[in-house]
Amino acid sequence: MFKALADESRRRLLDLLHLENGRTLGELCEHLSMSRQAVTKHLNVLEEANLVTVVWRGREKLHYLNPVPLHDIYERWIGKFERPRLEALHALKKRLEEEDGNGQG
């Protein structure tokens, strides 16, 4: 998954799907300055990483963002490192407010 996210064009595709899910290849190509074949290759990498899922509607292939793997990364790696920082900021804010309240009394 990290390999899929490492490429700027693939991140742009994910951003486009986040803005409007269920886009066709043609709709995605309108926002990128590369060939349809290149976009298709990037979408295939994202599909293999389970970051994009597809639904066929007749002959149209619609691409959807799958946020679950990203959420899993957040929970496992980012969230646990962010939590102590937020707790420290909260404690600092509380202490400063207490000191401010004691100084005014």
PDB file of N, CA and C in Angstrom:
ATOM      1  N   MET A   1       0.814  -1.183   0.000  1.00  0.00           N
ATOM      2  CA  MET A   1       0.000   0.000   0.000  1.00  0.00           C
ATOM      3  C   MET A   1       0.867   1.260   0.000  1.00  0.00           C
ATOM      4  N   PHE A   2       1.958   1.232   0.756  1.00  0.00           N
ATOM      5  CA  PHE A   2       2.816   2.416   0.793  1.00  0.00           C
ATOM      6  C   PHE A   2       3.415   2.708  -0.582  1.00  0.00           C
ATOM      7  N   LYS A   3       3.717   1.653  -1.337  1.00  0.00           N
ATOM      8  CA  LYS A   3       4.229   1.846  -2.699  1.00  0.00           C
ATOM      9  C   LYS A   3       3.179   2.547  -3.550  1.00  0.00           C
ATOM     10  N   ALA A   4       1.927   2.160  -3.395  1.00  0.00           N
ATOM     11  CA  ALA A   4       0.856   2.788  -4.163  1.00  0.00           C
ATOM     12  C   ALA A   4       0.709   4.254  -3.785  1.00  0.00           C
ATOM     13  N   LEU A   5       0.852   4.566  -2.513  1.00  0.00           N
ATOM     14  CA  LEU A   5       0.696   5.947  -2.047  1.00  0.00           C
ATOM     15  C   LEU A   5       1.918   6.816  -2.330  1.00  0.00           C
ATOM     16  N   ALA A   6       3.034   6.188  -2.662  1.00  0.00           N
ATOM     17  CA  ALA A   6       4.276   6.937  -2.869  1.00  0.00           C
ATOM     18  C   ALA A   6       4.242   7.798  -4.124  1.00  0.00           C
ATOM     19  N   ASP A   7       3.407   7.453  -5.076  1.00  0.00           N
ATOM     20  CA  ASP A   7       3.368   8.167  -6.348  1.00  0.00           C
ATOM     21  C   ASP A   7       2.379   9.338  -6.301  1.00  0.00           C
ATOM     22  N   GLU A   8       2.834  10.497  -6.720  1.00  0.00           N
ATOM     23  CA  GLU A   8       2.006  11.707  -6.688  1.00  0.00           C
ATOM     24  C   GLU A   8       0.753  11.582  -7.560  1.00  0.00           C
ATOM     25  N   SER A   9       0.875  10.956  -8.709  1.00  0.00           N
ATOM     26  CA  SER A   9      -0.279  10.795  -9.601  1.00  0.00           C
ATOM     27  C   SER A   9      -1.336   9.897  -8.960  1.00  0.00           C
ATOM     28  N   ARG A  10      -0.909   8.862  -8.263  1.00  0.00           N
ATOM     29  CA  ARG A  10      -1.881   7.988  -7.604  1.00  0.00           C
ATOM     30  C   ARG A  10      -2.555   8.693  -6.434  1.00  0.00           C
ATOM     31  N   ARG A  11      -1.787   9.510  -5.718  1.00  0.00           N
ATOM     32  CA  ARG A  11      -2.409  10.304  -4.650  1.00  0.00           C
ATOM     33  C   ARG A  11      -3.422  11.280  -5.228  1.00  0.00           C
ATOM     34  N   ARG A  12      -3.128  11.846  -6.393  1.00  0.00           N
ATOM     35  CA  ARG A  12      -4.063  12.752  -7.065  1.00  0.00           C
ATOM     36  C   ARG A  12      -5.341  12.008  -7.458  1.00  0.00           C
ATOM     37  N   LEU A  13      -5.206  10.788  -7.943  1.00  0.00           N
ATOM     38  CA  LEU A  13      -6.382   9.984  -8.274  1.00  0.00           C
ATOM     39  C   LEU A  13      -7.241   9.742  -7.033  1.00  0.00           C
ATOM     40  N   LEU A  14      -6.608   9.428  -5.916  1.00  0.00           N
ATOM     41  CA  LEU A  14      -7.352   9.225  -4.676  1.00  0.00           C
ATOM     42  C   LEU A  14      -8.051  10.512  -4.244  1.00  0.00           C
ATOM     43  N   ASP A  15      -7.369  11.634  -4.403  1.00  0.00           N
ATOM     44  CA  ASP A  15      -7.993  12.928  -4.075  1.00  0.00           C
ATOM     45  C   ASP A  15      -9.216  13.186  -4.953  1.00  0.00           C
ATOM     46  N   LEU A  16      -9.099  12.870  -6.238  1.00  0.00           N
ATOM     47  CA  LEU A  16     -10.230  13.062  -7.151  1.00  0.00           C
ATOM     48  C   LEU A  16     -11.411  12.179  -6.760  1.00  0.00           C
ATOM     49  N   LEU A  17     -11.118  10.950  -6.373  1.00  0.00           N
ATOM     50  CA  LEU A  17     -12.197  10.051  -5.961  1.00  0.00           C
ATOM     51  C   LEU A  17     -12.792  10.482  -4.625  1.00  0.00           C
ATOM     52  N   HIS A  18     -11.975  11.085  -3.786  1.00  0.00           N
ATOM     53  CA  HIS A  18     -12.496  11.595  -2.516  1.00  0.00           C
ATOM     54  C   HIS A  18     -13.482  12.739  -2.776  1.00  0.00           C
ATOM     55  N   LEU A  19     -13.164  13.575  -3.741  1.00  0.00           N
ATOM     56  CA  LEU A  19     -14.055  14.695  -4.085  1.00  0.00           C
ATOM     57  C   LEU A  19     -15.361  14.211  -4.697  1.00  0.00           C
ATOM     58  N   GLU A  20     -15.248  13.214  -5.570  1.00  0.00           N
ATOM     59  CA  GLU A  20     -16.441  12.677  -6.235  1.00  0.00           C
ATOM     60  C   GLU A  20     -16.195  11.210  -6.540  1.00  0.00           C
ATOM     61  N   ASN A  21     -16.800  10.360  -5.758  1.00  0.00           N
ATOM     62  CA  ASN A  21     -16.616   8.919  -5.895  1.00  0.00           C
ATOM     63  C   ASN A  21     -17.401   8.386  -7.088  1.00  0.00           C
ATOM     64  N   GLY A  22     -16.990   7.239  -7.602  1.00  0.00           N
ATOM     65  CA  GLY A  22     -17.714   6.593  -8.684  1.00  0.00           C
ATOM     66  C   GLY A  22     -17.445   7.191 -10.045  1.00  0.00           C
ATOM     67  N   ARG A  23     -16.196   7.531 -10.310  1.00  0.00           N
ATOM     68  CA  ARG A  23     -15.842   8.155 -11.591  1.00  0.00           C
ATOM     69  C   ARG A  23     -15.368   7.100 -12.591  1.00  0.00           C
ATOM     70  N   THR A  24     -15.603   7.400 -13.853  1.00  0.00           N
ATOM     71  CA  THR A  24     -15.110   6.547 -14.929  1.00  0.00           C
ATOM     72  C   THR A  24     -13.659   6.917 -15.235  1.00  0.00           C
ATOM     73  N   LEU A  25     -13.016   6.067 -16.022  1.00  0.00           N
ATOM     74  CA  LEU A  25     -11.646   6.356 -16.452  1.00  0.00           C
ATOM     75  C   LEU A  25     -11.596   7.683 -17.195  1.00  0.00           C
ATOM     76  N   GLY A  26     -12.538   7.917 -18.082  1.00  0.00           N
ATOM     77  CA  GLY A  26     -12.565   9.172 -18.841  1.00  0.00           C
ATOM     78  C   GLY A  26     -12.688  10.392 -17.946  1.00  0.00           C
ATOM     79  N   GLU A  27     -13.542  10.298 -16.937  1.00  0.00           N
ATOM     80  CA  GLU A  27     -13.705  11.424 -16.007  1.00  0.00           C
ATOM     81  C   GLU A  27     -12.421  11.693 -15.232  1.00  0.00           C
ATOM     82  N   LEU A  28     -11.732  10.639 -14.851  1.00  0.00           N
ATOM     83  CA  LEU A  28     -10.470  10.821 -14.127  1.00  0.00           C
ATOM     84  C   LEU A  28      -9.388  11.395 -15.042  1.00  0.00           C
ATOM     85  N   CYS A  29      -9.365  10.943 -16.286  1.00  0.00           N
ATOM     86  CA  CYS A  29      -8.359  11.425 -17.235  1.00  0.00           C
ATOM     87  C   CYS A  29      -8.483  12.922 -17.501  1.00  0.00           C
ATOM     88  N   GLU A  30      -9.701  13.456 -17.396  1.00  0.00           N
ATOM     89  CA  GLU A  30      -9.915  14.885 -17.637  1.00  0.00           C
ATOM     90  C   GLU A  30      -9.092  15.754 -16.692  1.00  0.00           C
ATOM     91  N   HIS A  31      -8.741  15.231 -15.540  1.00  0.00           N
ATOM     92  CA  HIS A  31      -8.047  16.014 -14.519  1.00  0.00           C
ATOM     93  C   HIS A  31      -6.546  15.730 -14.452  1.00  0.00           C
ATOM     94  N   LEU A  32      -6.066  14.867 -15.330  1.00  0.00           N
ATOM     95  CA  LEU A  32      -4.652  14.500 -15.304  1.00  0.00           C
ATOM     96  C   LEU A  32      -4.047  14.688 -16.685  1.00  0.00           C
ATOM     97  N   SER A  33      -2.821  15.123 -16.706  1.00  0.00           N
ATOM     98  CA  SER A  33      -2.149  15.330 -17.989  1.00  0.00           C
ATOM     99  C   SER A  33      -1.284  14.121 -18.321  1.00  0.00           C
ATOM    100  N   MET A  34      -1.959  12.992 -18.552  1.00  0.00           N
ATOM    101  CA  MET A  34      -1.265  11.768 -18.956  1.00  0.00           C
ATOM    102  C   MET A  34      -2.222  10.934 -19.797  1.00  0.00           C
ATOM    103  N   SER A  35      -1.696   9.942 -20.455  1.00  0.00           N
ATOM    104  CA  SER A  35      -2.507   9.116 -21.337  1.00  0.00           C
ATOM    105  C   SER A  35      -3.471   8.238 -20.539  1.00  0.00           C
ATOM    106  N   ARG A  36      -4.506   7.769 -21.231  1.00  0.00           N
ATOM    107  CA  ARG A  36      -5.466   6.850 -20.602  1.00  0.00           C
ATOM    108  C   ARG A  36      -4.752   5.591 -20.111  1.00  0.00           C
ATOM    109  N   GLN A  37      -3.769   5.133 -20.880  1.00  0.00           N
ATOM    110  CA  GLN A  37      -3.034   3.931 -20.500  1.00  0.00           C
ATOM    111  C   GLN A  37      -2.270   4.150 -19.196  1.00  0.00           C
ATOM    112  N   ALA A  38      -1.676   5.328 -19.046  1.00  0.00           N
ATOM    113  CA  ALA A  38      -0.939   5.627 -17.817  1.00  0.00           C
ATOM    114  C   ALA A  38      -1.891   5.700 -16.622  1.00  0.00           C
ATOM    115  N   VAL A  39      -3.047   6.344 -16.810  1.00  0.00           N
ATOM    116  CA  VAL A  39      -4.035   6.427 -15.730  1.00  0.00           C
ATOM    117  C   VAL A  39      -4.519   5.026 -15.362  1.00  0.00           C
ATOM    118  N   THR A  40      -4.755   4.197 -16.371  1.00  0.00           N
ATOM    119  CA  THR A  40      -5.192   2.821 -16.132  1.00  0.00           C
ATOM    120  C   THR A  40      -4.163   2.061 -15.309  1.00  0.00           C
ATOM    121  N   LYS A  41      -2.885   2.231 -15.627  1.00  0.00           N
ATOM    122  CA  LYS A  41      -1.830   1.552 -14.859  1.00  0.00           C
ATOM    123  C   LYS A  41      -1.838   2.014 -13.406  1.00  0.00           C
ATOM    124  N   HIS A  42      -1.986   3.313 -13.198  1.00  0.00           N
ATOM    125  CA  HIS A  42      -2.035   3.832 -11.828  1.00  0.00           C
ATOM    126  C   HIS A  42      -3.261   3.296 -11.082  1.00  0.00           C
ATOM    127  N   LEU A  43      -4.395   3.250 -11.751  1.00  0.00           N
ATOM    128  CA  LEU A  43      -5.601   2.720 -11.123  1.00  0.00           C
ATOM    129  C   LEU A  43      -5.440   1.242 -10.779  1.00  0.00           C
ATOM    130  N   ASN A  44      -4.752   0.498 -11.636  1.00  0.00           N
ATOM    131  CA  ASN A  44      -4.507  -0.919 -11.347  1.00  0.00           C
ATOM    132  C   ASN A  44      -3.656  -1.096 -10.095  1.00  0.00           C
ATOM    133  N   VAL A  45      -2.653  -0.250  -9.926  1.00  0.00           N
ATOM    134  CA  VAL A  45      -1.822  -0.307  -8.718  1.00  0.00           C
ATOM    135  C   VAL A  45      -2.676  -0.006  -7.488  1.00  0.00           C
ATOM    136  N   LEU A  46      -3.538   0.998  -7.599  1.00  0.00           N
ATOM    137  CA  LEU A  46      -4.416   1.350  -6.476  1.00  0.00           C
ATOM    138  C   LEU A  46      -5.417   0.242  -6.180  1.00  0.00           C
ATOM    139  N   GLU A  47      -5.901  -0.435  -7.212  1.00  0.00           N
ATOM    140  CA  GLU A  47      -6.808  -1.569  -7.009  1.00  0.00           C
ATOM    141  C   GLU A  47      -6.088  -2.715  -6.310  1.00  0.00           C
ATOM    142  N   GLU A  48      -4.872  -3.014  -6.749  1.00  0.00           N
ATOM    143  CA  GLU A  48      -4.090  -4.094  -6.133  1.00  0.00           C
ATOM    144  C   GLU A  48      -3.796  -3.797  -4.666  1.00  0.00           C
ATOM    145  N   ALA A  49      -3.650  -2.521  -4.325  1.00  0.00           N
ATOM    146  CA  ALA A  49      -3.404  -2.114  -2.937  1.00  0.00           C
ATOM    147  C   ALA A  49      -4.713  -2.008  -2.149  1.00  0.00           C
ATOM    148  N   ASN A  50      -5.834  -2.294  -2.793  1.00  0.00           N
ATOM    149  CA  ASN A  50      -7.159  -2.248  -2.168  1.00  0.00           C
ATOM    150  C   ASN A  50      -7.570  -0.825  -1.765  1.00  0.00           C
ATOM    151  N   LEU A  51      -6.978   0.163  -2.418  1.00  0.00           N
ATOM    152  CA  LEU A  51      -7.333   1.554  -2.147  1.00  0.00           C
ATOM    153  C   LEU A  51      -8.446   2.043  -3.060  1.00  0.00           C
ATOM    154  N   VAL A  52      -8.656   1.332  -4.153  1.00  0.00           N
ATOM    155  CA  VAL A  52      -9.719   1.646  -5.093  1.00  0.00           C
ATOM    156  C   VAL A  52     -10.468   0.351  -5.394  1.00  0.00           C
ATOM    157  N   THR A  53     -11.782   0.453  -5.404  1.00  0.00           N
ATOM    158  CA  THR A  53     -12.613  -0.667  -5.819  1.00  0.00           C
ATOM    159  C   THR A  53     -13.387  -0.243  -7.066  1.00  0.00           C
ATOM    160  N   VAL A  54     -13.816  -1.234  -7.831  1.00  0.00           N
ATOM    161  CA  VAL A  54     -14.535  -0.928  -9.061  1.00  0.00           C
ATOM    162  C   VAL A  54     -15.890  -1.623  -9.059  1.00  0.00           C
ATOM    163  N   VAL A  55     -16.814  -0.967  -9.710  1.00  0.00           N
ATOM    164  CA  VAL A  55     -18.158  -1.505  -9.912  1.00  0.00           C
ATOM    165  C   VAL A  55     -18.479  -1.324 -11.387  1.00  0.00           C
ATOM    166  N   TRP A  56     -18.913  -2.387 -12.009  1.00  0.00           N
ATOM    167  CA  TRP A  56     -19.313  -2.308 -13.413  1.00  0.00           C
ATOM    168  C   TRP A  56     -20.772  -1.910 -13.496  1.00  0.00           C
ATOM    169  N   ARG A  57     -21.050  -0.890 -14.281  1.00  0.00           N
ATOM    170  CA  ARG A  57     -22.414  -0.461 -14.569  1.00  0.00           C
ATOM    171  C   ARG A  57     -22.566  -0.543 -16.089  1.00  0.00           C
ATOM    172  N   GLY A  58     -23.111  -1.683 -16.526  1.00  0.00           N
ATOM    173  CA  GLY A  58     -23.152  -1.933 -17.963  1.00  0.00           C
ATOM    174  C   GLY A  58     -21.735  -2.082 -18.480  1.00  0.00           C
ATOM    175  N   ARG A  59     -21.378  -1.248 -19.430  1.00  0.00           N
ATOM    176  CA  ARG A  59     -20.023  -1.282 -19.998  1.00  0.00           C
ATOM    177  C   ARG A  59     -19.080  -0.311 -19.300  1.00  0.00           C
ATOM    178  N   GLU A  60     -19.616   0.477 -18.366  1.00  0.00           N
ATOM    179  CA  GLU A  60     -18.810   1.467 -17.653  1.00  0.00           C
ATOM    180  C   GLU A  60     -18.199   0.854 -16.396  1.00  0.00           C
ATOM    181  N   LYS A  61     -16.955   1.180 -16.181  1.00  0.00           N
ATOM    182  CA  LYS A  61     -16.242   0.751 -14.978  1.00  0.00           C
ATOM    183  C   LYS A  61     -16.110   1.974 -14.069  1.00  0.00           C
ATOM    184  N   LEU A  62     -16.795   1.933 -12.936  1.00  0.00           N
ATOM    185  CA  LEU A  62     -16.758   3.055 -12.002  1.00  0.00           C
ATOM    186  C   LEU A  62     -15.734   2.769 -10.906  1.00  0.00           C
ATOM    187  N   HIS A  63     -14.948   3.782 -10.578  1.00  0.00           N
ATOM    188  CA  HIS A  63     -13.888   3.649  -9.578  1.00  0.00           C
ATOM    189  C   HIS A  63     -14.312   4.354  -8.296  1.00  0.00           C
ATOM    190  N   TYR A  64     -14.122   3.650  -7.191  1.00  0.00           N
ATOM    191  CA  TYR A  64     -14.499   4.174  -5.880  1.00  0.00           C
ATOM    192  C   TYR A  64     -13.311   4.105  -4.928  1.00  0.00           C
ATOM    193  N   LEU A  65     -13.174   5.127  -4.129  1.00  0.00           N
ATOM    194  CA  LEU A  65     -12.160   5.157  -3.083  1.00  0.00           C
ATOM    195  C   LEU A  65     -12.555   4.179  -1.983  1.00  0.00           C
ATOM    196  N   ASN A  66     -11.609   3.366  -1.546  1.00  0.00           N
ATOM    197  CA  ASN A  66     -11.820   2.473  -0.409  1.00  0.00           C
ATOM    198  C   ASN A  66     -11.001   3.030   0.752  1.00  0.00           C
ATOM    199  N   PRO A  67     -11.626   3.732   1.697  1.00  0.00           N
ATOM    200  CA  PRO A  67     -10.875   4.372   2.778  1.00  0.00           C
ATOM    201  C   PRO A  67     -10.448   3.427   3.900  1.00  0.00           C
ATOM    202  N   VAL A  68     -10.909   2.196   3.889  1.00  0.00           N
ATOM    203  CA  VAL A  68     -10.627   1.281   5.001  1.00  0.00           C
ATOM    204  C   VAL A  68      -9.131   1.047   5.202  1.00  0.00           C
ATOM    205  N   PRO A  69      -8.348   0.740   4.166  1.00  0.00           N
ATOM    206  CA  PRO A  69      -6.908   0.541   4.397  1.00  0.00           C
ATOM    207  C   PRO A  69      -6.214   1.795   4.952  1.00  0.00           C
ATOM    208  N   LEU A  70      -6.660   2.968   4.509  1.00  0.00           N
ATOM    209  CA  LEU A  70      -6.076   4.209   5.026  1.00  0.00           C
ATOM    210  C   LEU A  70      -6.424   4.389   6.499  1.00  0.00           C
ATOM    211  N   HIS A  71      -7.640   4.064   6.853  1.00  0.00           N
ATOM    212  CA  HIS A  71      -8.053   4.151   8.255  1.00  0.00           C
ATOM    213  C   HIS A  71      -7.249   3.177   9.110  1.00  0.00           C
ATOM    214  N   ASP A  72      -7.012   1.984   8.584  1.00  0.00           N
ATOM    215  CA  ASP A  72      -6.212   0.993   9.312  1.00  0.00           C
ATOM    216  C   ASP A  72      -4.796   1.507   9.576  1.00  0.00           C
ATOM    217  N   ILE A  73      -4.209   2.163   8.584  1.00  0.00           N
ATOM    218  CA  ILE A  73      -2.870   2.749   8.770  1.00  0.00           C
ATOM    219  C   ILE A  73      -2.927   3.828   9.839  1.00  0.00           C
ATOM    220  N   TYR A  74      -3.950   4.669   9.771  1.00  0.00           N
ATOM    221  CA  TYR A  74      -4.085   5.724  10.771  1.00  0.00           C
ATOM    222  C   TYR A  74      -4.184   5.124  12.166  1.00  0.00           C
ATOM    223  N   GLU A  75      -5.040   4.136  12.326  1.00  0.00           N
ATOM    224  CA  GLU A  75      -5.228   3.523  13.646  1.00  0.00           C
ATOM    225  C   GLU A  75      -3.951   2.861  14.153  1.00  0.00           C
ATOM    226  N   ARG A  76      -3.256   2.171  13.266  1.00  0.00           N
ATOM    227  CA  ARG A  76      -2.077   1.425  13.710  1.00  0.00           C
ATOM    228  C   ARG A  76      -0.849   2.299  13.897  1.00  0.00           C
ATOM    229  N   TRP A  77      -0.629   3.242  12.991  1.00  0.00           N
ATOM    230  CA  TRP A  77       0.630   3.974  13.005  1.00  0.00           C
ATOM    231  C   TRP A  77       0.501   5.431  13.412  1.00  0.00           C
ATOM    232  N   ILE A  78      -0.442   6.139  12.872  1.00  0.00           N
ATOM    233  CA  ILE A  78      -0.507   7.575  13.101  1.00  0.00           C
ATOM    234  C   ILE A  78      -1.208   7.897  14.409  1.00  0.00           C
ATOM    235  N   GLY A  79      -2.363   7.287  14.629  1.00  0.00           N
ATOM    236  CA  GLY A  79      -3.172   7.584  15.806  1.00  0.00           C
ATOM    237  C   GLY A  79      -2.426   7.394  17.114  1.00  0.00           C
ATOM    238  N   LYS A  80      -1.691   6.297  17.228  1.00  0.00           N
ATOM    239  CA  LYS A  80      -1.022   6.041  18.507  1.00  0.00           C
ATOM    240  C   LYS A  80       0.121   7.015  18.762  1.00  0.00           C
ATOM    241  N   PHE A  81       0.689   7.587  17.708  1.00  0.00           N
ATOM    242  CA  PHE A  81       1.736   8.576  17.907  1.00  0.00           C
ATOM    243  C   PHE A  81       1.150   9.960  18.143  1.00  0.00           C
ATOM    244  N   GLU A  82      -0.030  10.201  17.615  1.00  0.00           N
ATOM    245  CA  GLU A  82      -0.684  11.498  17.760  1.00  0.00           C
ATOM    246  C   GLU A  82      -1.307  11.658  19.145  1.00  0.00           C
ATOM    247  N   ARG A  83      -1.825  10.585  19.689  1.00  0.00           N
ATOM    248  CA  ARG A  83      -2.529  10.636  20.974  1.00  0.00           C
ATOM    249  C   ARG A  83      -1.688  11.269  22.087  1.00  0.00           C
ATOM    250  N   PRO A  84      -0.449  10.841  22.315  1.00  0.00           N
ATOM    251  CA  PRO A  84       0.348  11.467  23.386  1.00  0.00           C
ATOM    252  C   PRO A  84       0.578  12.966  23.167  1.00  0.00           C
ATOM    253  N   ARG A  85       0.750  13.352  21.915  1.00  0.00           N
ATOM    254  CA  ARG A  85       0.960  14.773  21.619  1.00  0.00           C
ATOM    255  C   ARG A  85      -0.292  15.581  21.967  1.00  0.00           C
ATOM    256  N   LEU A  86      -1.454  15.067  21.623  1.00  0.00           N
ATOM    257  CA  LEU A  86      -2.702  15.769  21.934  1.00  0.00           C
ATOM    258  C   LEU A  86      -2.947  15.817  23.435  1.00  0.00           C
ATOM    259  N   GLU A  87      -2.619  14.731  24.122  1.00  0.00           N
ATOM    260  CA  GLU A  87      -2.773  14.728  25.580  1.00  0.00           C
ATOM    261  C   GLU A  87      -1.836  15.744  26.227  1.00  0.00           C
ATOM    262  N   ALA A  88      -0.619  15.864  25.708  1.00  0.00           N
ATOM    263  CA  ALA A  88       0.336  16.842  26.246  1.00  0.00           C
ATOM    264  C   ALA A  88      -0.161  18.269  26.003  1.00  0.00           C
ATOM    265  N   LEU A  89      -0.686  18.535  24.824  1.00  0.00           N
ATOM    266  CA  LEU A  89      -1.224  19.867  24.539  1.00  0.00           C
ATOM    267  C   LEU A  89      -2.422  20.187  25.430  1.00  0.00           C
ATOM    268  N   HIS A  90      -3.272  19.196  25.659  1.00  0.00           N
ATOM    269  CA  HIS A  90      -4.425  19.398  26.531  1.00  0.00           C
ATOM    270  C   HIS A  90      -3.967  19.714  27.962  1.00  0.00           C
ATOM    271  N   ALA A  91      -2.976  18.956  28.452  1.00  0.00           N
ATOM    272  CA  ALA A  91      -2.466  19.190  29.803  1.00  0.00           C
ATOM    273  C   ALA A  91      -1.835  20.576  29.909  1.00  0.00           C
ATOM    274  N   LEU A  92      -1.091  20.992  28.887  1.00  0.00           N
ATOM    275  CA  LEU A  92      -0.473  22.319  28.881  1.00  0.00           C
ATOM    276  C   LEU A  92      -1.552  23.407  28.892  1.00  0.00           C
ATOM    277  N   LYS A  93      -2.563  23.252  28.057  1.00  0.00           N
ATOM    278  CA  LYS A  93      -3.662  24.230  28.009  1.00  0.00           C
ATOM    279  C   LYS A  93      -4.341  24.336  29.373  1.00  0.00           C
ATOM    280  N   LYS A  94      -4.605  23.200  29.983  1.00  0.00           N
ATOM    281  CA  LYS A  94      -5.274  23.182  31.283  1.00  0.00           C
ATOM    282  C   LYS A  94      -4.409  23.872  32.341  1.00  0.00           C
ATOM    283  N   ARG A  95      -3.106  23.576  32.314  1.00  0.00           N
ATOM    284  CA  ARG A  95      -2.199  24.177  33.297  1.00  0.00           C
ATOM    285  C   ARG A  95      -2.107  25.690  33.101  1.00  0.00           C
ATOM    286  N   LEU A  96      -2.034  26.138  31.855  1.00  0.00           N
ATOM    287  CA  LEU A  96      -1.960  27.575  31.579  1.00  0.00           C
ATOM    288  C   LEU A  96      -3.241  28.289  31.997  1.00  0.00           C
ATOM    289  N   GLU A  97      -4.382  27.641  31.758  1.00  0.00           N
ATOM    290  CA  GLU A  97      -5.650  28.232  32.174  1.00  0.00           C
ATOM    291  C   GLU A  97      -5.741  28.326  33.687  1.00  0.00           C
ATOM    292  N   GLU A  98      -5.228  27.313  34.387  1.00  0.00           N
ATOM    293  CA  GLU A  98      -5.232  27.336  35.849  1.00  0.00           C
ATOM    294  C   GLU A  98      -4.326  28.449  36.361  1.00  0.00           C
ATOM    295  N   GLU A  99      -3.146  28.590  35.761  1.00  0.00           N
ATOM    296  CA  GLU A  99      -2.220  29.648  36.175  1.00  0.00           C
ATOM    297  C   GLU A  99      -2.816  31.011  35.900  1.00  0.00           C
ATOM    298  N   ASP A 100      -3.485  31.159  34.762  1.00  0.00           N
ATOM    299  CA  ASP A 100      -4.118  32.425  34.417  1.00  0.00           C
ATOM    300  C   ASP A 100      -5.223  32.748  35.409  1.00  0.00           C
ATOM    301  N   GLY A 101      -5.982  31.754  35.802  1.00  0.00           N
ATOM    302  CA  GLY A 101      -7.055  31.942  36.772  1.00  0.00           C
ATOM    303  C   GLY A 101      -6.503  32.301  38.144  1.00  0.00           C
ATOM    304  N   ASN A 102      -5.385  31.720  38.549  1.00  0.00           N
ATOM    305  CA  ASN A 102      -4.772  32.023  39.851  1.00  0.00           C
ATOM    306  C   ASN A 102      -4.143  33.409  39.851  1.00  0.00           C
ATOM    307  N   GLY A 103      -3.640  33.845  38.742  1.00  0.00           N
ATOM    308  CA  GLY A 103      -3.008  35.162  38.667  1.00  0.00           C
ATOM    309  C   GLY A 103      -4.022  36.304  38.704  1.00  0.00           C
ATOM    310  N   GLN A 104      -5.245  36.030  38.270  1.00  0.00           N
ATOM    311  CA  GLN A 104      -6.256  37.083  38.234  1.00  0.00           C
ATOM    312  C   GLN A 104      -6.972  37.222  39.579  1.00  0.00           C
ATOM    313  N   GLY A 105      -6.910  36.208  40.455  1.00  0.00           N
ATOM    314  CA  GLY A 105      -7.685  36.201  41.702  1.00  0.00           C
ATOM    315  C   GLY A 105      -7.088  37.043  42.716  1.00  0.00           C
TER     316      GLY A 105
END
